[in-house]
Amino acid sequence: QVQLVESGGGLVQPGGSLRLSCAASGSIFSIYDMGWYRQAPGAQRELVATITSGGSTNYVDSVKGRLTISRDNAKNTAYLQMNSLKPEDTAVYYCKEGNRYWGQGTQVTVSS
């Protein structure tokens, strides 16, 4: 059974940094594209960044230059490095493996 577990969220001041992790188990992690999504209160879930099995990345315009997606196939883990955080980055962040499996989410709150 595939399981994705996010961690690394928390409360951070504007301009601060966090690194989210998404640990996968029960799948052949290396062959799947991975994505990070977020959902703010009252809003729809939106795609933030993706990384293919080959390591190609893509970002939504609002996070380009501030967030970086990466993966370590040896550790079955995807990451989202978040720098220069803004209050509008506040959301629950979810990882997704391929087109099917989601994690439970981790809360990121950017506030002074």
N, C-alpha and C. Protein backbone atom coordinates (compact mmCIF):
# COMPACT_ATOMS: atom_id res chain seq x y z
N GLN A 1 0.84 -1.18 0.00
CA GLN A 1 0.00 0.00 0.00
C GLN A 1 0.88 1.25 0.00
N VAL A 2 0.58 2.16 -0.91
CA VAL A 2 1.37 3.38 -1.02
C VAL A 2 1.01 4.34 0.10
N GLN A 3 2.02 4.90 0.72
CA GLN A 3 1.82 5.89 1.76
C GLN A 3 2.78 7.05 1.55
N LEU A 4 2.25 8.26 1.65
CA LEU A 4 3.05 9.48 1.56
C LEU A 4 2.88 10.26 2.86
N VAL A 5 3.98 10.64 3.47
CA VAL A 5 3.94 11.34 4.74
C VAL A 5 4.72 12.64 4.62
N GLU A 6 4.00 13.76 4.72
CA GLU A 6 4.64 15.07 4.70
C GLU A 6 5.08 15.47 6.09
N SER A 7 6.13 16.27 6.15
CA SER A 7 6.60 16.83 7.40
C SER A 7 7.35 18.13 7.11
N GLY A 8 7.62 18.89 8.17
CA GLY A 8 8.42 20.09 8.02
C GLY A 8 7.65 21.39 8.05
N GLY A 9 6.33 21.31 8.13
CA GLY A 9 5.55 22.54 8.19
C GLY A 9 5.67 23.21 9.55
N GLY A 10 5.10 24.40 9.66
CA GLY A 10 5.14 25.12 10.93
C GLY A 10 4.82 26.58 10.75
N LEU A 11 5.10 27.34 11.81
CA LEU A 11 4.89 28.78 11.80
C LEU A 11 6.21 29.47 11.55
N VAL A 12 6.23 30.40 10.59
CA VAL A 12 7.45 31.11 10.25
C VAL A 12 7.10 32.56 9.96
N GLN A 13 8.03 33.45 10.24
CA GLN A 13 7.81 34.87 9.97
C GLN A 13 8.00 35.16 8.49
N PRO A 14 7.38 36.21 7.99
CA PRO A 14 7.60 36.61 6.60
C PRO A 14 9.09 36.77 6.32
N GLY A 15 9.52 36.27 5.17
CA GLY A 15 10.92 36.28 4.81
C GLY A 15 11.69 35.06 5.26
N GLY A 16 11.06 34.24 6.07
CA GLY A 16 11.72 33.05 6.59
C GLY A 16 11.69 31.87 5.63
N SER A 17 12.22 30.75 6.11
CA SER A 17 12.36 29.55 5.27
C SER A 17 11.84 28.32 6.00
N LEU A 18 11.40 27.36 5.22
CA LEU A 18 11.04 26.04 5.69
C LEU A 18 11.42 25.03 4.62
N ARG A 19 11.67 23.80 5.02
CA ARG A 19 11.84 22.72 4.06
C ARG A 19 10.84 21.62 4.37
N LEU A 20 9.98 21.36 3.42
CA LEU A 20 9.01 20.28 3.55
C LEU A 20 9.58 19.00 2.97
N SER A 21 9.22 17.90 3.59
CA SER A 21 9.62 16.58 3.10
C SER A 21 8.38 15.73 2.85
N CYS A 22 8.49 14.84 1.88
CA CYS A 22 7.43 13.90 1.57
C CYS A 22 8.07 12.53 1.42
N ALA A 23 7.88 11.70 2.44
CA ALA A 23 8.48 10.37 2.45
C ALA A 23 7.47 9.36 1.90
N ALA A 24 7.90 8.62 0.89
CA ALA A 24 7.02 7.65 0.23
C ALA A 24 7.41 6.23 0.61
N SER A 25 6.41 5.38 0.69
CA SER A 25 6.64 3.97 0.91
C SER A 25 5.59 3.17 0.14
N GLY A 26 5.96 1.93 -0.19
CA GLY A 26 5.01 1.05 -0.84
C GLY A 26 4.92 1.21 -2.35
N SER A 27 5.83 1.99 -2.92
CA SER A 27 5.82 2.17 -4.37
C SER A 27 7.24 2.22 -4.90
N ILE A 28 7.37 2.15 -6.21
CA ILE A 28 8.68 2.33 -6.84
C ILE A 28 8.83 3.83 -7.08
N PHE A 29 9.26 4.52 -6.05
CA PHE A 29 9.24 5.98 -6.00
C PHE A 29 9.92 6.61 -7.22
N SER A 30 11.03 6.03 -7.62
CA SER A 30 11.86 6.68 -8.64
C SER A 30 11.18 6.80 -10.00
N ILE A 31 10.17 6.02 -10.28
CA ILE A 31 9.57 6.06 -11.61
C ILE A 31 8.42 7.05 -11.72
N TYR A 32 8.05 7.65 -10.60
CA TYR A 32 6.88 8.54 -10.60
C TYR A 32 7.26 10.02 -10.57
N ASP A 33 6.48 10.80 -11.32
CA ASP A 33 6.55 12.24 -11.14
C ASP A 33 5.97 12.58 -9.78
N MET A 34 6.49 13.63 -9.16
CA MET A 34 6.01 14.07 -7.86
C MET A 34 5.56 15.52 -7.94
N GLY A 35 4.56 15.85 -7.15
CA GLY A 35 4.08 17.22 -7.13
C GLY A 35 3.81 17.71 -5.71
N TRP A 36 3.97 18.99 -5.53
CA TRP A 36 3.55 19.67 -4.30
C TRP A 36 2.37 20.58 -4.65
N TYR A 37 1.35 20.50 -3.84
CA TYR A 37 0.15 21.31 -3.98
C TYR A 37 -0.10 22.03 -2.66
N ARG A 38 -0.95 23.05 -2.72
CA ARG A 38 -1.32 23.71 -1.47
C ARG A 38 -2.78 24.14 -1.53
N GLN A 39 -3.36 24.24 -0.35
CA GLN A 39 -4.76 24.66 -0.24
C GLN A 39 -4.89 25.63 0.92
N ALA A 40 -5.21 26.87 0.59
CA ALA A 40 -5.45 27.90 1.60
C ALA A 40 -6.91 27.83 2.04
N PRO A 41 -7.21 28.36 3.22
CA PRO A 41 -8.60 28.34 3.70
C PRO A 41 -9.54 29.00 2.71
N GLY A 42 -10.61 28.31 2.38
CA GLY A 42 -11.60 28.86 1.46
C GLY A 42 -11.23 28.83 0.00
N ALA A 43 -10.07 28.25 -0.31
CA ALA A 43 -9.60 28.25 -1.69
C ALA A 43 -9.51 26.82 -2.20
N GLN A 44 -9.39 26.71 -3.52
CA GLN A 44 -9.19 25.40 -4.11
C GLN A 44 -7.73 24.98 -3.98
N ARG A 45 -7.51 23.69 -4.01
CA ARG A 45 -6.14 23.18 -4.00
C ARG A 45 -5.48 23.56 -5.32
N GLU A 46 -4.24 24.05 -5.21
CA GLU A 46 -3.53 24.47 -6.40
C GLU A 46 -2.16 23.80 -6.48
N LEU A 47 -1.74 23.60 -7.72
CA LEU A 47 -0.43 23.04 -7.96
C LEU A 47 0.65 24.09 -7.69
N VAL A 48 1.69 23.70 -6.98
CA VAL A 48 2.79 24.61 -6.67
C VAL A 48 4.02 24.28 -7.51
N ALA A 49 4.40 23.01 -7.54
CA ALA A 49 5.62 22.62 -8.24
C ALA A 49 5.56 21.13 -8.55
N THR A 50 6.25 20.76 -9.62
CA THR A 50 6.35 19.35 -9.99
C THR A 50 7.79 19.00 -10.33
N ILE A 51 8.11 17.74 -10.17
CA ILE A 51 9.41 17.23 -10.59
C ILE A 51 9.17 15.87 -11.23
N THR A 52 9.71 15.69 -12.43
CA THR A 52 9.50 14.43 -13.13
C THR A 52 10.43 13.36 -12.58
N SER A 53 10.22 12.14 -13.03
CA SER A 53 11.10 11.05 -12.62
C SER A 53 12.53 11.32 -13.06
N GLY A 54 12.69 12.09 -14.13
CA GLY A 54 14.01 12.42 -14.63
C GLY A 54 14.62 13.67 -14.03
N GLY A 55 13.84 14.35 -13.17
CA GLY A 55 14.38 15.50 -12.46
C GLY A 55 14.03 16.86 -13.05
N SER A 56 13.22 16.89 -14.09
CA SER A 56 12.80 18.18 -14.63
C SER A 56 11.76 18.81 -13.71
N THR A 57 11.87 20.12 -13.53
CA THR A 57 10.99 20.81 -12.59
C THR A 57 10.14 21.87 -13.27
N ASN A 58 9.03 22.18 -12.61
CA ASN A 58 8.15 23.22 -13.11
C ASN A 58 7.47 23.86 -11.90
N TYR A 59 7.20 25.17 -12.01
CA TYR A 59 6.66 25.93 -10.87
C TYR A 59 5.52 26.84 -11.33
N VAL A 60 4.59 27.08 -10.41
CA VAL A 60 3.61 28.12 -10.65
C VAL A 60 4.32 29.47 -10.53
N ASP A 61 3.88 30.45 -11.29
CA ASP A 61 4.59 31.72 -11.38
C ASP A 61 4.78 32.38 -10.02
N SER A 62 3.82 32.25 -9.14
CA SER A 62 3.87 32.96 -7.85
C SER A 62 4.98 32.48 -6.92
N VAL A 63 5.57 31.33 -7.20
CA VAL A 63 6.61 30.80 -6.32
C VAL A 63 7.97 30.72 -7.00
N LYS A 64 8.04 31.04 -8.26
CA LYS A 64 9.31 30.94 -8.98
C LYS A 64 10.37 31.82 -8.32
N GLY A 65 11.54 31.24 -8.12
CA GLY A 65 12.64 31.96 -7.50
C GLY A 65 12.65 31.89 -5.99
N ARG A 66 11.57 31.37 -5.40
CA ARG A 66 11.49 31.29 -3.93
C ARG A 66 11.38 29.85 -3.45
N LEU A 67 10.68 29.01 -4.18
CA LEU A 67 10.49 27.61 -3.78
C LEU A 67 11.23 26.70 -4.76
N THR A 68 11.80 25.65 -4.22
CA THR A 68 12.56 24.70 -5.03
C THR A 68 12.14 23.28 -4.69
N ILE A 69 11.72 22.56 -5.71
CA ILE A 69 11.35 21.15 -5.53
C ILE A 69 12.55 20.28 -5.89
N SER A 70 12.73 19.21 -5.14
CA SER A 70 13.80 18.27 -5.43
C SER A 70 13.38 16.89 -4.97
N ARG A 71 14.21 15.91 -5.28
CA ARG A 71 13.91 14.54 -4.86
C ARG A 71 15.19 13.78 -4.61
N ASP A 72 15.11 12.82 -3.72
CA ASP A 72 16.22 11.91 -3.43
C ASP A 72 15.66 10.51 -3.58
N ASN A 73 15.91 9.90 -4.71
CA ASN A 73 15.32 8.59 -4.98
C ASN A 73 15.88 7.51 -4.05
N ALA A 74 17.09 7.69 -3.58
CA ALA A 74 17.68 6.72 -2.65
C ALA A 74 16.94 6.72 -1.31
N LYS A 75 16.33 7.86 -0.98
CA LYS A 75 15.60 7.98 0.28
C LYS A 75 14.10 7.95 0.07
N ASN A 76 13.65 7.76 -1.17
CA ASN A 76 12.21 7.76 -1.47
C ASN A 76 11.53 9.01 -0.93
N THR A 77 12.17 10.14 -1.11
CA THR A 77 11.68 11.39 -0.51
C THR A 77 11.73 12.53 -1.51
N ALA A 78 10.66 13.32 -1.52
CA ALA A 78 10.63 14.57 -2.26
C ALA A 78 10.67 15.72 -1.27
N TYR A 79 11.20 16.84 -1.73
CA TYR A 79 11.37 18.00 -0.86
C TYR A 79 10.80 19.26 -1.52
N LEU A 80 10.45 20.21 -0.68
CA LEU A 80 10.09 21.54 -1.15
C LEU A 80 10.80 22.54 -0.25
N GLN A 81 11.87 23.13 -0.76
CA GLN A 81 12.58 24.18 -0.04
C GLN A 81 11.85 25.49 -0.27
N MET A 82 11.47 26.15 0.81
CA MET A 82 10.66 27.35 0.73
C MET A 82 11.43 28.51 1.35
N ASN A 83 11.81 29.47 0.55
CA ASN A 83 12.55 30.65 1.00
C ASN A 83 11.73 31.91 0.76
N SER A 84 12.11 32.97 1.43
CA SER A 84 11.44 34.27 1.26
C SER A 84 9.92 34.13 1.35
N LEU A 85 9.49 33.44 2.38
CA LEU A 85 8.06 33.14 2.51
C LEU A 85 7.24 34.39 2.74
N LYS A 86 6.03 34.37 2.21
CA LYS A 86 5.09 35.48 2.31
C LYS A 86 3.82 35.01 3.01
N PRO A 87 3.07 35.93 3.60
CA PRO A 87 1.81 35.51 4.23
C PRO A 87 0.88 34.77 3.27
N GLU A 88 0.91 35.12 2.01
CA GLU A 88 0.05 34.44 1.04
C GLU A 88 0.48 33.01 0.72
N ASP A 89 1.63 32.59 1.26
CA ASP A 89 2.04 31.19 1.13
C ASP A 89 1.38 30.31 2.20
N THR A 90 0.68 30.92 3.13
CA THR A 90 0.01 30.16 4.18
C THR A 90 -1.02 29.21 3.58
N ALA A 91 -0.89 27.93 3.91
CA ALA A 91 -1.76 26.90 3.35
C ALA A 91 -1.38 25.55 3.95
N VAL A 92 -2.22 24.56 3.68
CA VAL A 92 -1.82 23.18 3.91
C VAL A 92 -1.15 22.69 2.63
N TYR A 93 0.03 22.14 2.78
CA TYR A 93 0.81 21.67 1.64
C TYR A 93 0.72 20.15 1.55
N TYR A 94 0.44 19.68 0.35
CA TYR A 94 0.28 18.24 0.09
C TYR A 94 1.26 17.79 -0.97
N CYS A 95 1.77 16.58 -0.84
CA CYS A 95 2.53 16.00 -1.94
C CYS A 95 1.66 14.96 -2.63
N LYS A 96 1.99 14.72 -3.89
CA LYS A 96 1.24 13.78 -4.71
C LYS A 96 2.21 12.96 -5.53
N GLU A 97 1.99 11.67 -5.57
CA GLU A 97 2.82 10.78 -6.36
C GLU A 97 2.05 10.35 -7.59
N GLY A 98 2.62 10.60 -8.74
CA GLY A 98 1.95 10.24 -9.98
C GLY A 98 0.62 10.97 -10.10
N ASN A 99 -0.40 10.24 -10.53
CA ASN A 99 -1.74 10.82 -10.67
C ASN A 99 -2.72 10.27 -9.66
N ARG A 100 -2.21 9.65 -8.61
CA ARG A 100 -3.14 8.90 -7.79
C ARG A 100 -3.02 9.13 -6.29
N TYR A 101 -1.81 9.14 -5.76
CA TYR A 101 -1.66 9.09 -4.31
C TYR A 101 -1.30 10.44 -3.70
N TRP A 102 -1.98 10.76 -2.58
CA TRP A 102 -1.79 12.01 -1.86
C TRP A 102 -1.31 11.73 -0.44
N GLY A 103 -0.55 12.67 0.10
CA GLY A 103 -0.24 12.65 1.51
C GLY A 103 -1.34 13.33 2.30
N GLN A 104 -1.15 13.39 3.61
CA GLN A 104 -2.18 13.93 4.49
C GLN A 104 -2.08 15.43 4.66
N GLY A 105 -0.97 16.01 4.24
CA GLY A 105 -0.79 17.45 4.30
C GLY A 105 -0.03 17.91 5.53
N THR A 106 0.63 19.05 5.39
CA THR A 106 1.34 19.68 6.49
C THR A 106 1.06 21.19 6.43
N GLN A 107 0.76 21.76 7.59
CA GLN A 107 0.36 23.18 7.65
C GLN A 107 1.57 24.08 7.62
N VAL A 108 1.53 25.08 6.76
CA VAL A 108 2.53 26.15 6.73
C VAL A 108 1.80 27.46 7.01
N THR A 109 2.27 28.17 8.04
CA THR A 109 1.69 29.46 8.39
C THR A 109 2.79 30.50 8.40
N VAL A 110 2.60 31.54 7.60
CA VAL A 110 3.57 32.63 7.50
C VAL A 110 2.93 33.86 8.11
N SER A 111 3.44 34.25 9.26
CA SER A 111 2.83 35.35 9.99
C SER A 111 3.82 35.93 10.97
N SER A 112 3.70 37.25 11.20
CA SER A 112 4.54 37.90 12.20
C SER A 112 3.82 37.96 13.54
